[in-house]
Amino acid sequence: MIGAEVRDSCGSSGTGETPQAFTPRRLTARPAESEHLEGKSTTTHYLVNRNKVWENSL
């Protein structure tokens, strides 16, 4: 059955995969801000907006 066209029950051609196989996967929720930012960061962060770059130290 190599190269054969697969059709669903309505006669539409497809890949033969179930629709659930193509469902986008959701990412897990982020932790609360209090859990995420346990302390001040000493790392320099760069904020990029189109052609401008800003340096921001948190």
PDB file of N, CA and C in Angstrom:
ATOM      1  N   MET A   1       0.825  -1.182   0.000  1.00  0.00           N
ATOM      2  CA  MET A   1       0.000   0.000   0.000  1.00  0.00           C
ATOM      3  C   MET A   1       0.874   1.253   0.000  1.00  0.00           C
ATOM      4  N   ILE A   2       2.069   1.163  -0.497  1.00  0.00           N
ATOM      5  CA  ILE A   2       2.964   2.316  -0.569  1.00  0.00           C
ATOM      6  C   ILE A   2       2.481   3.244  -1.673  1.00  0.00           C
ATOM      7  N   GLY A   3       2.376   4.531  -1.354  1.00  0.00           N
ATOM      8  CA  GLY A   3       1.949   5.517  -2.338  1.00  0.00           C
ATOM      9  C   GLY A   3       0.446   5.543  -2.558  1.00  0.00           C
ATOM     10  N   ALA A   4      -0.301   4.720  -1.829  1.00  0.00           N
ATOM     11  CA  ALA A   4      -1.755   4.697  -1.993  1.00  0.00           C
ATOM     12  C   ALA A   4      -2.369   5.910  -1.310  1.00  0.00           C
ATOM     13  N   GLU A   5      -3.432   6.418  -1.902  1.00  0.00           N
ATOM     14  CA  GLU A   5      -4.116   7.565  -1.315  1.00  0.00           C
ATOM     15  C   GLU A   5      -5.094   7.074  -0.256  1.00  0.00           C
ATOM     16  N   VAL A   6      -5.100   7.708   0.890  1.00  0.00           N
ATOM     17  CA  VAL A   6      -5.976   7.325   1.993  1.00  0.00           C
ATOM     18  C   VAL A   6      -7.162   8.275   2.013  1.00  0.00           C
ATOM     19  N   ARG A   7      -8.350   7.718   2.162  1.00  0.00           N
ATOM     20  CA  ARG A   7      -9.559   8.542   2.236  1.00  0.00           C
ATOM     21  C   ARG A   7     -10.289   8.227   3.540  1.00  0.00           C
ATOM     22  N   ASP A   8     -10.899   9.277   4.129  1.00  0.00           N
ATOM     23  CA  ASP A   8     -11.657   9.051   5.356  1.00  0.00           C
ATOM     24  C   ASP A   8     -13.058   8.561   5.022  1.00  0.00           C
ATOM     25  N   SER A   9     -13.914   8.419   6.025  1.00  0.00           N
ATOM     26  CA  SER A   9     -15.253   7.881   5.818  1.00  0.00           C
ATOM     27  C   SER A   9     -16.115   8.762   4.928  1.00  0.00           C
ATOM     28  N   CYS A  10     -15.727  10.033   4.778  1.00  0.00           N
ATOM     29  CA  CYS A  10     -16.479  10.947   3.912  1.00  0.00           C
ATOM     30  C   CYS A  10     -15.910  10.969   2.503  1.00  0.00           C
ATOM     31  N   GLY A  11     -14.830  10.247   2.264  1.00  0.00           N
ATOM     32  CA  GLY A  11     -14.224  10.210   0.946  1.00  0.00           C
ATOM     33  C   GLY A  11     -13.147  11.252   0.740  1.00  0.00           C
ATOM     34  N   SER A  12     -12.831  12.036   1.770  1.00  0.00           N
ATOM     35  CA  SER A  12     -11.788  13.055   1.650  1.00  0.00           C
ATOM     36  C   SER A  12     -10.426  12.404   1.785  1.00  0.00           C
ATOM     37  N   SER A  13      -9.484  12.865   0.969  1.00  0.00           N
ATOM     38  CA  SER A  13      -8.138  12.319   1.087  1.00  0.00           C
ATOM     39  C   SER A  13      -7.422  12.983   2.247  1.00  0.00           C
ATOM     40  N   GLY A  14      -6.523  12.277   2.845  1.00  0.00           N
ATOM     41  CA  GLY A  14      -5.764  12.798   3.974  1.00  0.00           C
ATOM     42  C   GLY A  14      -4.535  11.949   4.190  1.00  0.00           C
ATOM     43  N   THR A  15      -3.934  12.084   5.327  1.00  0.00           N
ATOM     44  CA  THR A  15      -2.712  11.340   5.609  1.00  0.00           C
ATOM     45  C   THR A  15      -2.995  10.020   6.294  1.00  0.00           C
ATOM     46  N   GLY A  16      -4.230   9.778   6.704  1.00  0.00           N
ATOM     47  CA  GLY A  16      -4.551   8.558   7.411  1.00  0.00           C
ATOM     48  C   GLY A  16      -4.380   8.698   8.912  1.00  0.00           C
ATOM     49  N   GLU A  17      -3.897   9.833   9.372  1.00  0.00           N
ATOM     50  CA  GLU A  17      -3.728  10.084  10.806  1.00  0.00           C
ATOM     51  C   GLU A  17      -5.054  10.564  11.380  1.00  0.00           C
ATOM     52  N   THR A  18      -5.248  10.324  12.650  1.00  0.00           N
ATOM     53  CA  THR A  18      -6.455  10.828  13.299  1.00  0.00           C
ATOM     54  C   THR A  18      -6.308  12.324  13.533  1.00  0.00           C
ATOM     55  N   PRO A  19      -7.407  13.076  13.591  1.00  0.00           N
ATOM     56  CA  PRO A  19      -7.314  14.525  13.815  1.00  0.00           C
ATOM     57  C   PRO A  19      -6.618  14.868  15.129  1.00  0.00           C
ATOM     58  N   GLN A  20      -6.711  13.995  16.130  1.00  0.00           N
ATOM     59  CA  GLN A  20      -6.074  14.271  17.408  1.00  0.00           C
ATOM     60  C   GLN A  20      -4.551  14.334  17.272  1.00  0.00           C
ATOM     61  N   ALA A  21      -4.002  13.644  16.295  1.00  0.00           N
ATOM     62  CA  ALA A  21      -2.552  13.634  16.112  1.00  0.00           C
ATOM     63  C   ALA A  21      -2.036  15.015  15.728  1.00  0.00           C
ATOM     64  N   PHE A  22      -2.878  15.862  15.160  1.00  0.00           N
ATOM     65  CA  PHE A  22      -2.452  17.181  14.708  1.00  0.00           C
ATOM     66  C   PHE A  22      -2.851  18.289  15.677  1.00  0.00           C
ATOM     67  N   THR A  23      -3.434  17.950  16.812  1.00  0.00           N
ATOM     68  CA  THR A  23      -3.840  18.949  17.792  1.00  0.00           C
ATOM     69  C   THR A  23      -2.608  19.615  18.377  1.00  0.00           C
ATOM     70  N   PRO A  24      -2.545  20.951  18.360  1.00  0.00           N
ATOM     71  CA  PRO A  24      -1.384  21.616  18.951  1.00  0.00           C
ATOM     72  C   PRO A  24      -1.294  21.319  20.442  1.00  0.00           C
ATOM     73  N   ARG A  25      -0.089  21.158  20.913  1.00  0.00           N
ATOM     74  CA  ARG A  25       0.121  20.845  22.320  1.00  0.00           C
ATOM     75  C   ARG A  25       0.290  22.128  23.116  1.00  0.00           C
ATOM     76  N   ARG A  26      -0.379  22.206  24.263  1.00  0.00           N
ATOM     77  CA  ARG A  26      -0.266  23.379  25.129  1.00  0.00           C
ATOM     78  C   ARG A  26       0.920  23.204  26.062  1.00  0.00           C
ATOM     79  N   LEU A  27       1.605  24.304  26.298  1.00  0.00           N
ATOM     80  CA  LEU A  27       2.705  24.282  27.240  1.00  0.00           C
ATOM     81  C   LEU A  27       2.159  24.301  28.652  1.00  0.00           C
ATOM     82  N   THR A  28       2.934  23.774  29.570  1.00  0.00           N
ATOM     83  CA  THR A  28       2.492  23.811  30.959  1.00  0.00           C
ATOM     84  C   THR A  28       2.525  25.251  31.450  1.00  0.00           C
ATOM     85  N   ALA A  29       1.716  25.551  32.426  1.00  0.00           N
ATOM     86  CA  ALA A  29       1.618  26.914  32.950  1.00  0.00           C
ATOM     87  C   ALA A  29       2.920  27.317  33.623  1.00  0.00           C
ATOM     88  N   ARG A  30       3.231  28.598  33.550  1.00  0.00           N
ATOM     89  CA  ARG A  30       4.408  29.129  34.225  1.00  0.00           C
ATOM     90  C   ARG A  30       4.158  29.166  35.726  1.00  0.00           C
ATOM     91  N   PRO A  31       5.207  29.093  36.518  1.00  0.00           N
ATOM     92  CA  PRO A  31       5.024  29.232  37.966  1.00  0.00           C
ATOM     93  C   PRO A  31       4.602  30.658  38.304  1.00  0.00           C
ATOM     94  N   ALA A  32       4.019  30.831  39.454  1.00  0.00           N
ATOM     95  CA  ALA A  32       3.619  32.166  39.895  1.00  0.00           C
ATOM     96  C   ALA A  32       4.848  33.059  39.966  1.00  0.00           C
ATOM     97  N   GLU A  33       4.649  34.371  39.810  1.00  0.00           N
ATOM     98  CA  GLU A  33       5.776  35.303  39.787  1.00  0.00           C
ATOM     99  C   GLU A  33       6.610  35.200  41.059  1.00  0.00           C
ATOM    100  N   SER A  34       5.970  34.972  42.200  1.00  0.00           N
ATOM    101  CA  SER A  34       6.712  34.861  43.457  1.00  0.00           C
ATOM    102  C   SER A  34       7.620  33.631  43.457  1.00  0.00           C
ATOM    103  N   GLU A  35       7.211  32.572  42.766  1.00  0.00           N
ATOM    104  CA  GLU A  35       8.044  31.378  42.661  1.00  0.00           C
ATOM    105  C   GLU A  35       9.113  31.557  41.593  1.00  0.00           C
ATOM    106  N   HIS A  36       8.775  32.308  40.555  1.00  0.00           N
ATOM    107  CA  HIS A  36       9.672  32.494  39.422  1.00  0.00           C
ATOM    108  C   HIS A  36      10.826  33.434  39.761  1.00  0.00           C
ATOM    109  N   LEU A  37      10.549  34.508  40.480  1.00  0.00           N
ATOM    110  CA  LEU A  37      11.566  35.494  40.824  1.00  0.00           C
ATOM    111  C   LEU A  37      11.865  35.410  42.319  1.00  0.00           C
ATOM    112  N   GLU A  38      12.689  34.446  42.680  1.00  0.00           N
ATOM    113  CA  GLU A  38      12.984  34.262  44.098  1.00  0.00           C
ATOM    114  C   GLU A  38      13.981  35.282  44.615  1.00  0.00           C
ATOM    115  N   GLY A  39      14.759  35.888  43.748  1.00  0.00           N
ATOM    116  CA  GLY A  39      15.727  36.889  44.174  1.00  0.00           C
ATOM    117  C   GLY A  39      16.046  37.808  43.018  1.00  0.00           C
ATOM    118  N   LYS A  40      16.720  38.898  43.300  1.00  0.00           N
ATOM    119  CA  LYS A  40      17.102  39.832  42.244  1.00  0.00           C
ATOM    120  C   LYS A  40      18.180  39.194  41.379  1.00  0.00           C
ATOM    121  N   SER A  41      18.069  39.374  40.110  1.00  0.00           N
ATOM    122  CA  SER A  41      19.060  38.843  39.185  1.00  0.00           C
ATOM    123  C   SER A  41      20.190  39.845  39.024  1.00  0.00           C
ATOM    124  N   THR A  42      21.413  39.348  38.971  1.00  0.00           N
ATOM    125  CA  THR A  42      22.562  40.220  38.724  1.00  0.00           C
ATOM    126  C   THR A  42      22.964  40.166  37.257  1.00  0.00           C
ATOM    127  N   THR A  43      22.229  39.397  36.481  1.00  0.00           N
ATOM    128  CA  THR A  43      22.519  39.253  35.062  1.00  0.00           C
ATOM    129  C   THR A  43      21.996  40.462  34.301  1.00  0.00           C
ATOM    130  N   THR A  44      22.783  40.952  33.350  1.00  0.00           N
ATOM    131  CA  THR A  44      22.345  42.047  32.496  1.00  0.00           C
ATOM    132  C   THR A  44      21.434  41.481  31.420  1.00  0.00           C
ATOM    133  N   HIS A  45      20.271  42.075  31.273  1.00  0.00           N
ATOM    134  CA  HIS A  45      19.307  41.632  30.275  1.00  0.00           C
ATOM    135  C   HIS A  45      19.258  42.644  29.138  1.00  0.00           C
ATOM    136  N   TYR A  46      19.084  42.161  27.941  1.00  0.00           N
ATOM    137  CA  TYR A  46      18.988  43.027  26.779  1.00  0.00           C
ATOM    138  C   TYR A  46      17.579  42.938  26.216  1.00  0.00           C
ATOM    139  N   LEU A  47      16.951  44.090  26.067  1.00  0.00           N
ATOM    140  CA  LEU A  47      15.619  44.161  25.496  1.00  0.00           C
ATOM    141  C   LEU A  47      15.758  44.626  24.055  1.00  0.00           C
ATOM    142  N   VAL A  48      15.259  43.826  23.115  1.00  0.00           N
ATOM    143  CA  VAL A  48      15.414  44.146  21.702  1.00  0.00           C
ATOM    144  C   VAL A  48      14.046  44.479  21.125  1.00  0.00           C
ATOM    145  N   ASN A  49      13.938  45.636  20.475  1.00  0.00           N
ATOM    146  CA  ASN A  49      12.704  46.055  19.832  1.00  0.00           C
ATOM    147  C   ASN A  49      13.064  46.594  18.463  1.00  0.00           C
ATOM    148  N   ARG A  50      12.832  45.801  17.443  1.00  0.00           N
ATOM    149  CA  ARG A  50      13.177  46.113  16.060  1.00  0.00           C
ATOM    150  C   ARG A  50      14.651  46.440  15.930  1.00  0.00           C
ATOM    151  N   ASN A  51      15.025  47.697  15.689  1.00  0.00           N
ATOM    152  CA  ASN A  51      16.422  48.045  15.455  1.00  0.00           C
ATOM    153  C   ASN A  51      17.108  48.641  16.678  1.00  0.00           C
ATOM    154  N   LYS A  52      16.417  48.710  17.796  1.00  0.00           N
ATOM    155  CA  LYS A  52      16.987  49.328  18.989  1.00  0.00           C
ATOM    156  C   LYS A  52      17.278  48.255  20.030  1.00  0.00           C
ATOM    157  N   VAL A  53      18.360  48.439  20.763  1.00  0.00           N
ATOM    158  CA  VAL A  53      18.716  47.516  21.832  1.00  0.00           C
ATOM    159  C   VAL A  53      18.915  48.322  23.101  1.00  0.00           C
ATOM    160  N   TRP A  54      18.241  47.914  24.165  1.00  0.00           N
ATOM    161  CA  TRP A  54      18.384  48.578  25.453  1.00  0.00           C
ATOM    162  C   TRP A  54      19.031  47.611  26.428  1.00  0.00           C
ATOM    163  N   GLU A  55      19.866  48.138  27.305  1.00  0.00           N
ATOM    164  CA  GLU A  55      20.472  47.321  28.341  1.00  0.00           C
ATOM    165  C   GLU A  55      19.722  47.590  29.631  1.00  0.00           C
ATOM    166  N   ASN A  56      19.332  46.526  30.310  1.00  0.00           N
ATOM    167  CA  ASN A  56      18.543  46.669  31.521  1.00  0.00           C
ATOM    168  C   ASN A  56      19.101  45.729  32.573  1.00  0.00           C
ATOM    169  N   SER A  57      19.507  46.280  33.690  1.00  0.00           N
ATOM    170  CA  SER A  57      19.982  45.457  34.793  1.00  0.00           C
ATOM    171  C   SER A  57      18.879  45.388  35.830  1.00  0.00           C
ATOM    172  N   LEU A  58      18.370  44.177  36.072  1.00  0.00           N
ATOM    173  CA  LEU A  58      17.238  44.022  36.994  1.00  0.00           C
ATOM    174  C   LEU A  58      17.690  44.184  38.390  1.00  0.00           C
TER     175      LEU A  58
END
